């Protein structure tokens, strides 16, 4: 951390409440995914109410779909966003709703310390009550903290009730995908998919074994059955839904015939070919790398994430294609985006959380996917370097002392754990793990928790300072498996930030603390420390 002593006074001084709650929603959803699908995965077969458990698990896909649809909605309707952001500024909701939101978050994560990650499936009924009540409080607190009910009613009427439609569409995307799926489940489509996967593996130079009547295909000792749901219908359904939503929002300006007769068939073909390549690659991974990795890629929500990303790419292409619109599309300056200090605080954290979800989806042991996570985190920080360089500063003595203290306490208070058994991690994995732990993660987390959340909540008065530190520290603690230690570290980093209003101070302290912890992990081989 070198450079001039620059205080954190760049960018917009008060981000809108709407943008704040959107960033928190994304972060909190990824925290829930990591908590209940990685750290404490709920096995529905072991629960008292299996149908309710499966409905609850579908909420992950619904939450991702709602956020995706809302992002599209406000991106394509900037006037609607500005009107709602203006309402939030002129008639903001009461601060008590933010406390309700925080109480809801506490209820959502309460089952983990109460029942334990290993036994949470056997305590599903009380867990369901905690999650349901917590979700209700979290949603109501977020919505009415932005602006009161009467302002929402006025804005929704002025926007022709399109936001409730967008919310409903996002919630029903998984159900709509299931409804659309039978229209694409042609036996000829499954047969052609099976044949093209066979040709793809042949092209890669493998000797392929097949059983066409049962659609079983494999190489070496790894075999899978390509059922109808593997023929790409999920991706086609998602593309149909998102393109339909785009066509609805852009109907006055969109050339509908060109959109549906030219772009839509190309998008469907791209999705189908992408699925064929995905199946071929997963079969190769199952034969040459790990059967568990491959099967996890087939049966987890990894496919849902990939097809959603592909559908969004199609929408972006449609929005940039001049021949599909009656009026010219405005061009977005890439340099302006890279220098946007607000985006630099939020986007890297979203990428970090999303990379964690991807790692847990593709790798049975998510830590095996850390090299991919490090590469993604490094890439997003490099992209926002024009904005990040404004926060360079020499670390203060207090930040050095705080970082050393937190690092030592974290190591000394860690639960006893045996040295990792089995083969030692490779040099490449160790190098990227140390890079991520010591540099990438501290910068990303401090940008979001102190540079965005704490900064956004901070107002004049001691009470607001305490509230800002408390909320940011609680969210920071939820990101770590040692919750209370994470909260205490968050309080220390928050106090450093408020002391001199310099983001460089908590970043330096966080880097030093993680360097101490990483050194202990490297010397002892106890990689669970990081």
Protein backbone atom coordinates (compact mmCIF):
# COMPACT_ATOMS: atom_id res chain seq x y z
CA UNK A 1 0.00 0.00 0.00
CA UNK A 2 1.96 2.95 -1.23
CA UNK A 3 1.12 6.34 -2.60
CA UNK A 4 -0.27 9.63 -1.45
CA UNK A 5 -2.42 9.95 1.63
CA UNK A 6 -5.84 10.11 0.00
CA UNK A 7 -9.06 10.12 2.02
CA UNK A 8 -12.08 8.23 0.79
CA UNK A 9 -13.88 11.17 -0.77
CA UNK A 10 -14.24 9.96 -4.33
CA UNK A 11 -17.40 9.16 -6.18
CA UNK A 12 -20.98 10.03 -5.31
CA UNK A 13 -21.29 11.10 -1.71
CA UNK A 14 -24.64 9.41 -1.05
CA UNK A 15 -25.53 6.37 -3.19
CA UNK A 16 -29.29 5.91 -3.51
CA UNK A 17 -31.12 3.69 -1.07
CA UNK A 18 -32.32 1.67 -4.03
CA UNK A 19 -28.76 0.91 -5.13
CA UNK A 20 -27.77 0.14 -1.53
CA UNK A 21 -30.54 -2.37 -0.96
CA UNK A 22 -29.90 -3.96 -4.39
CA UNK A 23 -26.24 -4.54 -3.53
CA UNK A 24 -27.16 -5.91 -0.11
CA UNK A 25 -29.76 -8.23 -1.66
CA UNK A 26 -27.18 -9.76 -4.00
CA UNK A 27 -24.63 -10.16 -1.21
CA UNK A 28 -27.16 -11.62 1.22
CA UNK A 29 -28.49 -14.10 -1.35
CA UNK A 30 -25.00 -15.42 -2.02
CA UNK A 31 -24.41 -15.66 1.74
CA UNK A 32 -27.58 -17.74 2.08
CA UNK A 33 -26.47 -19.99 -0.80
CA UNK A 34 -23.06 -20.54 0.78
CA UNK A 35 -24.57 -21.10 4.24
CA UNK A 36 -27.31 -23.57 3.30
CA UNK A 37 -25.96 -25.24 0.17
CA UNK A 38 -22.25 -25.39 0.97
CA UNK A 39 -21.54 -25.16 4.70
CA UNK A 40 -24.78 -26.86 5.81
CA UNK A 41 -26.42 -28.56 2.86
CA UNK A 42 -29.96 -29.67 3.71
CA UNK A 43 -30.80 -33.23 2.59
CA UNK A 44 -34.53 -33.18 1.90
CA UNK A 45 -34.80 -36.97 2.28
CA UNK A 46 -33.77 -36.64 5.94
CA UNK A 47 -36.28 -33.89 6.78
CA UNK A 48 -39.73 -34.20 8.32
CA UNK A 49 -41.45 -32.41 5.41
CA UNK A 50 -39.70 -33.38 2.18
CA UNK A 51 -42.07 -31.46 -0.12
CA UNK A 52 -41.60 -28.23 1.87
CA UNK A 53 -37.83 -28.78 1.83
CA UNK A 54 -37.76 -29.12 -1.95
CA UNK A 55 -39.90 -26.00 -2.30
CA UNK A 56 -37.47 -24.18 -0.02
CA UNK A 57 -34.47 -25.32 -2.08
CA UNK A 58 -36.10 -23.92 -5.20
CA UNK A 59 -35.98 -20.47 -3.58
CA UNK A 60 -32.30 -20.23 -4.50
CA UNK A 61 -33.09 -20.39 -8.20
CA UNK A 62 -36.08 -18.07 -7.68
CA UNK A 63 -33.95 -15.52 -5.84
CA UNK A 64 -31.33 -15.54 -8.58
CA UNK A 65 -34.06 -15.21 -11.20
CA UNK A 66 -35.74 -12.30 -9.40
CA UNK A 67 -32.45 -10.42 -9.11
CA UNK A 68 -31.66 -11.10 -12.78
CA UNK A 69 -35.10 -9.96 -13.95
CA UNK A 70 -34.97 -6.81 -11.79
CA UNK A 71 -31.50 -5.99 -13.09
CA UNK A 72 -32.82 -6.26 -16.64
CA UNK A 73 -35.89 -4.24 -15.73
CA UNK A 74 -34.04 -1.25 -14.30
CA UNK A 75 -31.32 -1.45 -16.96
CA UNK A 76 -33.86 -1.30 -19.77
CA UNK A 77 -36.07 1.28 -18.05
CA UNK A 78 -33.68 3.92 -16.68
CA UNK A 79 -36.49 6.48 -16.33
CA UNK A 80 -38.32 4.08 -13.99
CA UNK A 81 -35.15 3.63 -11.94
CA UNK A 82 -34.57 7.38 -11.69
CA UNK A 83 -38.17 7.94 -10.63
CA UNK A 84 -37.97 5.31 -7.89
CA UNK A 85 -34.55 6.52 -6.73
CA UNK A 86 -35.98 10.06 -6.60
CA UNK A 87 -38.90 8.86 -4.48
CA UNK A 88 -36.45 7.19 -2.11
CA UNK A 89 -34.52 10.45 -1.74
CA UNK A 90 -37.54 12.71 -1.22
CA UNK A 91 -39.59 10.35 0.97
CA UNK A 92 -37.21 7.79 2.49
CA UNK A 93 -38.50 5.01 4.70
CA UNK A 94 -38.07 5.02 8.46
CA UNK A 95 -34.75 3.77 9.91
CA UNK A 96 -36.68 1.19 11.95
CA UNK A 97 -37.23 -0.78 8.75
CA UNK A 98 -33.48 -1.24 8.45
CA UNK A 99 -33.49 -2.76 11.93
CA UNK A 100 -36.30 -5.08 10.80
CA UNK A 101 -34.17 -6.09 7.82
CA UNK A 102 -31.23 -6.84 10.11
CA UNK A 103 -33.48 -8.83 12.49
CA UNK A 104 -34.68 -10.88 9.52
CA UNK A 105 -31.10 -11.68 8.55
CA UNK A 106 -30.35 -12.83 12.10
CA UNK A 107 -33.36 -15.16 12.00
CA UNK A 108 -32.33 -16.57 8.61
CA UNK A 109 -28.88 -17.57 9.85
CA UNK A 110 -29.92 -18.45 13.43
CA UNK A 111 -30.45 -22.21 12.70
CA UNK A 112 -26.73 -22.66 11.98
CA UNK A 113 -25.47 -21.90 15.53
CA UNK A 114 -28.67 -23.21 17.18
CA UNK A 115 -28.86 -26.65 15.54
CA UNK A 116 -25.42 -27.08 13.99
CA UNK A 117 -24.52 -27.51 10.34
CA UNK A 118 -24.40 -31.31 10.59
CA UNK A 119 -27.83 -31.72 12.24
CA UNK A 120 -29.79 -29.02 10.45
CA UNK A 121 -31.64 -31.50 8.21
CA UNK A 122 -33.04 -33.27 11.29
CA UNK A 123 -34.26 -29.97 12.73
CA UNK A 124 -35.92 -28.86 9.51
CA UNK A 125 -39.31 -27.78 10.92
CA UNK A 126 -37.92 -25.10 13.29
CA UNK A 127 -35.37 -24.20 10.59
CA UNK A 128 -38.22 -23.65 8.12
CA UNK A 129 -39.97 -21.36 10.61
CA UNK A 130 -36.80 -19.34 11.18
CA UNK A 131 -36.16 -19.03 7.43
CA UNK A 132 -39.77 -18.11 6.59
CA UNK A 133 -40.13 -15.44 9.27
CA UNK A 134 -36.63 -14.14 8.62
CA UNK A 135 -37.23 -13.89 4.87
CA UNK A 136 -40.48 -12.00 5.43
CA UNK A 137 -38.83 -9.50 7.77
CA UNK A 138 -35.81 -9.11 5.49
CA UNK A 139 -37.94 -8.40 2.41
CA UNK A 140 -40.38 -6.03 4.16
CA UNK A 141 -37.54 -4.21 5.90
CA UNK A 142 -35.66 -3.72 2.63
CA UNK A 143 -38.71 -2.60 0.63
CA UNK A 144 -40.06 -0.10 3.14
CA UNK A 145 -36.64 1.25 4.13
CA UNK A 146 -36.27 2.38 0.52
CA UNK A 147 -39.52 4.35 0.58
CA UNK A 148 -42.92 4.09 2.37
CA UNK A 149 -45.90 2.14 1.06
CA UNK A 150 -47.74 5.17 -0.34
CA UNK A 151 -44.68 6.14 -2.42
CA UNK A 152 -44.44 2.60 -3.77
CA UNK A 153 -48.13 2.69 -4.76
CA UNK A 154 -47.74 6.00 -6.54
CA UNK A 155 -44.61 4.89 -8.39
CA UNK A 156 -46.07 1.50 -9.40
CA UNK A 157 -49.19 3.17 -10.82
CA UNK A 158 -47.04 5.63 -12.76
CA UNK A 159 -44.98 2.76 -14.20
CA UNK A 160 -48.03 0.86 -15.48
CA UNK A 161 -47.62 -1.90 -12.88
CA UNK A 162 -44.65 -3.40 -14.73
CA UNK A 163 -42.55 -3.93 -11.59
CA UNK A 164 -45.02 -6.41 -10.01
CA UNK A 165 -45.05 -8.22 -13.34
CA UNK A 166 -41.24 -8.35 -13.33
CA UNK A 167 -41.20 -9.68 -9.75
CA UNK A 168 -43.81 -12.31 -10.58
CA UNK A 169 -41.90 -13.34 -13.69
CA UNK A 170 -38.66 -13.68 -11.74
CA UNK A 171 -40.37 -15.80 -9.08
CA UNK A 172 -42.00 -18.06 -11.66
CA UNK A 173 -38.98 -18.51 -13.98
CA UNK A 174 -38.26 -22.07 -12.68
CA UNK A 175 -41.94 -23.01 -13.07
CA UNK A 176 -42.17 -21.43 -16.52
CA UNK A 177 -39.04 -23.31 -17.55
CA UNK A 178 -40.70 -26.57 -16.47
CA UNK A 179 -43.88 -25.66 -18.36
CA UNK A 180 -41.99 -24.82 -21.55
CA UNK A 181 -39.73 -27.87 -21.29
CA UNK A 182 -42.21 -30.45 -22.74
CA UNK A 183 -42.47 -28.42 -25.96
CA UNK A 184 -38.77 -29.08 -26.57
CA UNK A 185 -38.58 -32.69 -25.37
CA UNK A 186 -38.66 -34.29 -28.77
CA UNK A 187 -37.15 -37.73 -29.05
CA UNK A 188 -35.37 -36.56 -32.18
CA UNK A 189 -33.77 -33.71 -30.19
CA UNK A 190 -32.47 -36.13 -27.56
CA UNK A 191 -31.19 -38.48 -30.27
CA UNK A 192 -29.45 -35.67 -32.14
CA UNK A 193 -27.94 -34.36 -28.89
CA UNK A 194 -26.67 -37.86 -28.10
CA UNK A 195 -25.16 -38.21 -31.58
CA UNK A 196 -23.44 -34.81 -31.51
CA UNK A 197 -21.96 -35.47 -28.04
CA UNK A 198 -20.59 -38.71 -29.52
CA UNK A 199 -19.05 -36.81 -32.44
CA UNK A 200 -17.60 -34.17 -30.11
CA UNK A 201 -15.83 -36.79 -28.00
CA UNK A 202 -14.55 -38.48 -31.17
CA UNK A 203 -13.23 -35.09 -32.34
CA UNK A 204 -11.38 -34.71 -29.02
CA UNK A 205 -9.61 -38.00 -29.80
CA UNK A 206 -11.37 -40.35 -27.36
CA UNK A 207 -12.57 -43.90 -27.90
CA UNK A 208 -16.27 -43.64 -27.08
CA UNK A 209 -18.58 -46.40 -25.86
CA UNK A 210 -22.33 -45.96 -26.44
CA UNK A 211 -25.63 -47.74 -25.95
CA UNK A 212 -28.04 -45.84 -28.24
CA UNK A 213 -31.34 -47.44 -27.02
CA UNK A 214 -30.70 -46.20 -23.46
CA UNK A 215 -28.77 -43.03 -24.42
CA UNK A 216 -25.76 -44.16 -22.34
CA UNK A 217 -22.42 -42.74 -23.44
CA UNK A 218 -18.97 -42.60 -21.92
CA UNK A 219 -15.24 -42.87 -22.26
CA UNK A 220 -12.85 -45.13 -20.36
CA UNK A 221 -14.66 -46.05 -17.12
CA UNK A 222 -17.05 -43.10 -16.86
CA UNK A 223 -20.57 -43.33 -18.33
CA UNK A 224 -23.67 -41.13 -18.18
CA UNK A 225 -27.19 -41.34 -19.52
CA UNK A 226 -28.31 -38.38 -21.61
CA UNK A 227 -31.94 -38.09 -20.58
CA UNK A 228 -34.43 -35.71 -22.16
CA UNK A 229 -33.69 -33.02 -19.55
CA UNK A 230 -30.05 -33.12 -20.64
CA UNK A 231 -30.87 -32.30 -24.26
CA UNK A 232 -30.63 -28.54 -23.63
CA UNK A 233 -34.32 -27.83 -23.01
CA UNK A 234 -33.58 -25.93 -19.78
CA UNK A 235 -31.32 -23.47 -21.57
CA UNK A 236 -33.81 -23.06 -24.42
CA UNK A 237 -36.60 -22.40 -21.91
CA UNK A 238 -34.56 -19.78 -20.05
CA UNK A 239 -33.60 -18.02 -23.29
CA UNK A 240 -37.26 -17.99 -24.35
CA UNK A 241 -38.34 -16.45 -21.02
CA UNK A 242 -35.65 -13.76 -20.86
CA UNK A 243 -35.98 -12.84 -24.53
CA UNK A 244 -39.74 -12.61 -24.10
CA UNK A 245 -39.29 -10.28 -21.13
CA UNK A 246 -36.86 -8.16 -23.14
CA UNK A 247 -39.29 -7.98 -26.07
CA UNK A 248 -42.06 -6.88 -23.69
CA UNK A 249 -40.03 -4.06 -22.14
CA UNK A 250 -38.60 -2.87 -25.47
CA UNK A 251 -41.75 -3.37 -27.56
CA UNK A 252 -42.10 0.26 -28.80
CA UNK A 253 -38.55 0.35 -30.16
CA UNK A 254 -37.79 -3.31 -30.97
CA UNK A 255 -38.20 -4.69 -34.49
CA UNK A 256 -40.12 -7.74 -33.35
CA UNK A 257 -39.98 -9.75 -36.59
CA UNK A 258 -36.20 -9.51 -36.86
CA UNK A 259 -35.91 -10.24 -33.16
CA UNK A 260 -37.98 -13.44 -33.21
CA UNK A 261 -37.30 -14.69 -36.73
CA UNK A 262 -33.53 -14.07 -36.79
CA UNK A 263 -32.05 -13.64 -33.31
CA UNK A 264 -34.27 -16.12 -31.48
CA UNK A 265 -33.45 -19.15 -33.68
CA UNK A 266 -29.76 -18.24 -33.49
CA UNK A 267 -29.98 -17.98 -29.69
CA UNK A 268 -31.74 -21.36 -29.42
CA UNK A 269 -29.13 -22.97 -31.66
CA UNK A 270 -26.30 -21.40 -29.62
CA UNK A 271 -27.81 -22.66 -26.36
CA UNK A 272 -28.23 -26.16 -27.73
CA UNK A 273 -24.66 -26.33 -29.09
CA UNK A 274 -23.35 -24.92 -25.82
CA UNK A 275 -25.14 -27.71 -23.96
CA UNK A 276 -23.60 -30.34 -26.24
CA UNK A 277 -20.14 -28.96 -25.53
CA UNK A 278 -20.93 -28.82 -21.79
CA UNK A 279 -21.93 -32.51 -21.73
CA UNK A 280 -18.81 -33.55 -23.66
CA UNK A 281 -16.52 -31.58 -21.33
CA UNK A 282 -18.22 -32.98 -18.21
CA UNK A 283 -17.76 -36.54 -19.53
CA UNK A 284 -14.05 -35.85 -20.10
CA UNK A 285 -13.79 -34.39 -16.58
CA UNK A 286 -15.50 -37.48 -15.17
CA UNK A 287 -13.08 -39.83 -16.94
CA UNK A 288 -9.83 -37.93 -16.54
CA UNK A 289 -10.24 -35.65 -13.49
CA UNK A 290 -12.98 -36.63 -11.04
CA UNK A 291 -16.33 -38.45 -11.44
CA UNK A 292 -17.69 -36.47 -8.49
CA UNK A 293 -16.84 -33.16 -10.16
CA UNK A 294 -18.58 -34.23 -13.36
CA UNK A 295 -21.73 -35.55 -11.67
CA UNK A 296 -21.92 -32.42 -9.55
CA UNK A 297 -21.80 -30.36 -12.74
CA UNK A 298 -24.68 -32.39 -14.18
CA UNK A 299 -26.98 -32.38 -11.17
CA UNK A 300 -26.30 -29.17 -9.23
CA UNK A 301 -27.46 -25.65 -9.98
CA UNK A 302 -24.30 -25.11 -12.06
CA UNK A 303 -26.24 -25.68 -15.26
CA UNK A 304 -28.90 -23.20 -14.19
CA UNK A 305 -26.24 -20.56 -13.58
CA UNK A 306 -24.55 -21.16 -16.92
CA UNK A 307 -27.75 -21.08 -18.94
CA UNK A 308 -28.92 -17.94 -17.13
CA UNK A 309 -25.60 -16.28 -17.97
CA UNK A 310 -25.98 -17.37 -21.60
CA UNK A 311 -29.52 -15.96 -21.75
CA UNK A 312 -28.26 -12.64 -20.37
CA UNK A 313 -25.52 -12.56 -23.00
CA UNK A 314 -28.16 -13.02 -25.70
CA UNK A 315 -30.18 -10.12 -24.27
CA UNK A 316 -27.07 -7.91 -24.20
CA UNK A 317 -26.33 -8.79 -27.83
CA UNK A 318 -29.92 -7.94 -28.73
CA UNK A 319 -29.70 -4.61 -26.95
CA UNK A 320 -26.49 -3.66 -28.76
CA UNK A 321 -27.65 -4.80 -32.22
CA UNK A 322 -28.58 -1.61 -34.09
CA UNK A 323 -30.57 -3.44 -36.77
CA UNK A 324 -32.99 -4.75 -34.16
CA UNK A 325 -34.03 -1.27 -32.99
CA UNK A 326 -35.77 1.65 -34.61
CA UNK A 327 -33.64 4.23 -32.76
CA UNK A 328 -29.83 4.13 -32.26
CA UNK A 329 -28.64 2.47 -29.07
CA UNK A 330 -26.65 4.74 -26.71
CA UNK A 331 -23.02 3.68 -26.39
CA UNK A 332 -21.63 3.11 -22.91
CA UNK A 333 -18.11 4.35 -22.29
CA UNK A 334 -15.94 1.52 -21.00
CA UNK A 335 -13.44 3.93 -19.50
CA UNK A 336 -16.25 5.64 -17.57
CA UNK A 337 -17.41 2.27 -16.22
CA UNK A 338 -13.89 1.31 -15.12
CA UNK A 339 -13.51 4.63 -13.30
CA UNK A 340 -16.90 4.37 -11.55
CA UNK A 341 -16.03 4.29 -7.84
CA UNK A 342 -19.49 3.04 -6.83
CA UNK A 343 -19.27 0.07 -9.20
CA UNK A 344 -15.71 -0.60 -7.99
CA UNK A 345 -17.02 -1.00 -4.44
CA UNK A 346 -19.84 -3.39 -5.35
CA UNK A 347 -19.05 -5.41 -8.49
CA UNK A 348 -15.84 -7.12 -7.23
CA UNK A 349 -17.74 -8.42 -4.19
CA UNK A 350 -20.51 -9.79 -6.39
CA UNK A 351 -17.90 -11.52 -8.56
CA UNK A 352 -16.22 -12.98 -5.45
CA UNK A 353 -19.51 -14.36 -4.13
CA UNK A 354 -20.55 -15.67 -7.54
CA UNK A 355 -17.19 -17.40 -7.93
CA UNK A 356 -17.82 -19.13 -4.61
CA UNK A 357 -21.19 -20.37 -5.84
CA UNK A 358 -19.58 -21.63 -9.06
CA UNK A 359 -16.85 -23.43 -7.11
CA UNK A 360 -19.40 -25.12 -4.86
CA UNK A 361 -21.47 -26.10 -7.90
CA UNK A 362 -18.65 -27.71 -9.89
CA UNK A 363 -16.36 -29.08 -7.16
CA UNK A 364 -17.49 -31.42 -4.33
CA UNK A 365 -14.69 -29.82 -2.31
CA UNK A 366 -15.13 -26.10 -3.15
CA UNK A 367 -11.56 -25.27 -2.13
CA UNK A 368 -10.36 -27.24 -5.17
CA UNK A 369 -11.90 -24.52 -7.32
CA UNK A 370 -10.00 -21.72 -5.61
CA UNK A 371 -7.63 -21.10 -8.55
CA UNK A 372 -10.65 -20.16 -10.70
CA UNK A 373 -11.94 -17.91 -7.91
CA UNK A 374 -8.57 -16.16 -7.62
CA UNK A 375 -8.37 -15.59 -11.36
CA UNK A 376 -11.88 -14.09 -11.46
CA UNK A 377 -11.23 -11.85 -8.45
CA UNK A 378 -7.93 -10.67 -9.88
CA UNK A 379 -9.52 -9.95 -13.25
CA UNK A 380 -12.34 -7.81 -11.79
CA UNK A 381 -9.93 -5.81 -9.63
CA UNK A 382 -7.68 -5.24 -12.63
CA UNK A 383 -10.71 -4.06 -14.61
CA UNK A 384 -11.55 -1.45 -11.96
CA UNK A 385 -7.95 -0.37 -11.42
CA UNK A 386 -8.61 3.21 -12.72
CA UNK A 387 -11.04 3.66 -9.81
CA UNK A 388 -9.09 1.67 -7.22
CA UNK A 389 -5.86 3.60 -7.57
CA UNK A 390 -7.59 6.59 -5.95
CA UNK A 391 -7.54 4.73 -2.62
CA UNK A 392 -3.77 4.12 -2.46
CA UNK A 393 -2.19 5.37 0.76
CA UNK A 394 0.54 4.43 3.19
CA UNK A 395 -0.78 2.27 6.06
CA UNK A 396 -1.04 3.99 9.42
CA UNK A 397 0.59 2.66 12.55
CA UNK A 398 -2.85 1.84 13.97
CA UNK A 399 -3.75 -0.25 10.91
CA UNK A 400 -0.50 -2.23 11.18
CA UNK A 401 -1.00 -2.89 14.90
CA UNK A 402 -4.67 -3.81 14.41
CA UNK A 403 -3.88 -6.17 11.55
CA UNK A 404 -1.18 -7.98 13.53
CA UNK A 405 -3.46 -8.31 16.57
CA UNK A 406 -6.39 -9.68 14.57
CA UNK A 407 -4.18 -12.13 12.69
CA UNK A 408 -2.57 -13.47 15.87
CA UNK A 409 -5.91 -13.76 17.69
CA UNK A 410 -7.45 -15.56 14.72
CA UNK A 411 -4.63 -18.13 14.69
CA UNK A 412 -4.46 -18.60 18.49
CA UNK A 413 -8.22 -19.00 18.95
CA UNK A 414 -8.69 -21.43 16.05
CA UNK A 415 -10.15 -24.79 16.98
CA UNK A 416 -7.56 -27.60 17.10
CA UNK A 417 -7.36 -29.30 13.74
CA UNK A 418 -5.07 -32.03 12.44
CA UNK A 419 -2.62 -31.33 9.67
CA UNK A 420 -4.28 -31.98 6.31
CA UNK A 421 -4.10 -35.64 5.31
CA UNK A 422 -3.47 -36.99 1.87
CA UNK A 423 -1.45 -35.38 -0.85
CA UNK A 424 -0.25 -31.85 -0.24
CA UNK A 425 -1.72 -29.12 -2.46
CA UNK A 426 0.26 -28.20 -5.54
CA UNK A 427 2.45 -25.15 -5.85
CA UNK A 428 0.02 -23.51 -8.28
CA UNK A 429 -2.91 -23.92 -5.87
CA UNK A 430 -0.86 -22.69 -2.90
CA UNK A 431 0.36 -19.65 -4.81
CA UNK A 432 -3.12 -18.58 -5.92
CA UNK A 433 -4.56 -19.33 -2.49
CA UNK A 434 -1.99 -17.09 -0.83
CA UNK A 435 -2.53 -14.37 -3.44
CA UNK A 436 -6.28 -14.48 -2.89
CA UNK A 437 -6.08 -14.62 0.90
CA UNK A 438 -3.45 -11.94 1.40
CA UNK A 439 -4.34 -9.45 -1.33
CA UNK A 440 -7.49 -10.06 -3.37
CA UNK A 441 -10.01 -10.97 -0.67
CA UNK A 442 -9.04 -8.16 1.78
CA UNK A 443 -9.32 -5.50 -0.92
CA UNK A 444 -12.68 -6.81 -2.21
CA UNK A 445 -14.22 -7.26 1.23
CA UNK A 446 -13.10 -3.86 2.50
CA UNK A 447 -14.34 -2.14 -0.65
CA UNK A 448 -17.79 -3.58 -0.05
CA UNK A 449 -18.23 -3.80 3.75
CA UNK A 450 -16.42 -0.62 4.77
CA UNK A 451 -16.23 1.32 1.50
CA UNK A 452 -19.87 0.72 0.60
CA UNK A 453 -22.10 -0.70 3.38
CA UNK A 454 -20.59 1.20 6.33
CA UNK A 455 -20.08 4.36 4.27
CA UNK A 456 -23.66 4.24 3.03
CA UNK A 457 -25.18 3.79 6.50
CA UNK A 458 -22.97 6.36 8.21
CA UNK A 459 -24.67 9.64 9.05
CA UNK A 460 -24.09 12.40 11.59
CA UNK A 461 -24.31 11.28 15.20
CA UNK A 462 -22.82 8.56 17.38
CA UNK A 463 -25.87 6.29 17.10
CA UNK A 464 -25.62 6.16 13.32
CA UNK A 465 -21.88 5.43 13.52
CA UNK A 466 -22.58 2.51 15.88
CA UNK A 467 -25.37 1.26 13.61
CA UNK A 468 -23.15 1.46 10.53
CA UNK A 469 -20.35 -0.49 12.22
CA UNK A 470 -22.81 -3.04 13.66
CA UNK A 471 -24.58 -3.81 10.38
CA UNK A 472 -21.41 -3.97 8.29
CA UNK A 473 -19.67 -6.12 10.92
CA UNK A 474 -22.59 -8.55 11.27
CA UNK A 475 -22.71 -9.03 7.50
CA UNK A 476 -18.94 -9.43 7.47
CA UNK A 477 -19.17 -12.07 10.22
CA UNK A 478 -21.76 -14.03 8.26
CA UNK A 479 -19.22 -14.37 5.47
CA UNK A 480 -16.87 -16.33 7.75
CA UNK A 481 -17.28 -19.74 9.34
CA UNK A 482 -16.18 -18.21 12.68
CA UNK A 483 -19.02 -15.73 13.02
CA UNK A 484 -18.15 -13.96 16.28
CA UNK A 485 -14.46 -13.65 15.39
CA UNK A 486 -15.48 -12.21 12.04
CA UNK A 487 -17.80 -9.69 13.71
CA UNK A 488 -15.03 -8.52 16.07
CA UNK A 489 -12.63 -8.15 13.14
CA UNK A 490 -15.29 -6.19 11.27
CA UNK A 491 -15.73 -3.83 14.23
CA UNK A 492 -11.97 -3.18 14.33
CA UNK A 493 -11.79 -2.55 10.57
CA UNK A 494 -14.84 -0.28 10.76
CA UNK A 495 -13.34 1.77 13.60
CA UNK A 496 -10.17 2.19 11.57
CA UNK A 497 -12.17 3.46 8.63
CA UNK A 498 -14.20 5.96 10.65
CA UNK A 499 -11.13 7.24 12.52
CA UNK A 500 -9.60 8.97 9.48
CA UNK A 501 -12.17 8.33 6.73
CA UNK A 502 -9.52 6.42 4.77
CA UNK A 503 -10.37 3.14 3.09
CA UNK A 504 -6.64 2.38 2.87
CA UNK A 505 -6.46 1.84 6.66
CA UNK A 506 -8.89 -1.12 6.96
CA UNK A 507 -7.55 -2.56 3.69
CA UNK A 508 -3.98 -2.51 5.08
CA UNK A 509 -5.09 -3.99 8.42
CA UNK A 510 -7.05 -6.72 6.66
CA UNK A 511 -4.08 -7.55 4.40
CA UNK A 512 -1.72 -7.77 7.38
CA UNK A 513 -4.16 -9.93 9.38
CA UNK A 514 -4.65 -12.34 6.48
CA UNK A 515 -0.88 -12.43 5.85
CA UNK A 516 -0.32 -13.56 9.46
CA UNK A 517 -3.03 -16.23 9.11
CA UNK A 518 -1.69 -17.37 5.72
CA UNK A 519 1.83 -17.65 7.14
CA UNK A 520 0.52 -19.87 9.95
CA UNK A 521 -1.36 -22.04 7.44
CA UNK A 522 1.71 -22.33 5.23
CA UNK A 523 3.99 -23.29 8.13
CA UNK A 524 1.60 -25.81 9.70
CA UNK A 525 -0.19 -27.12 6.61
CA UNK A 526 -3.56 -26.34 8.24
CA UNK A 527 -5.23 -24.77 5.22
CA UNK A 528 -8.56 -24.67 7.07
CA UNK A 529 -7.25 -21.51 8.74
CA UNK A 530 -7.83 -19.63 5.49
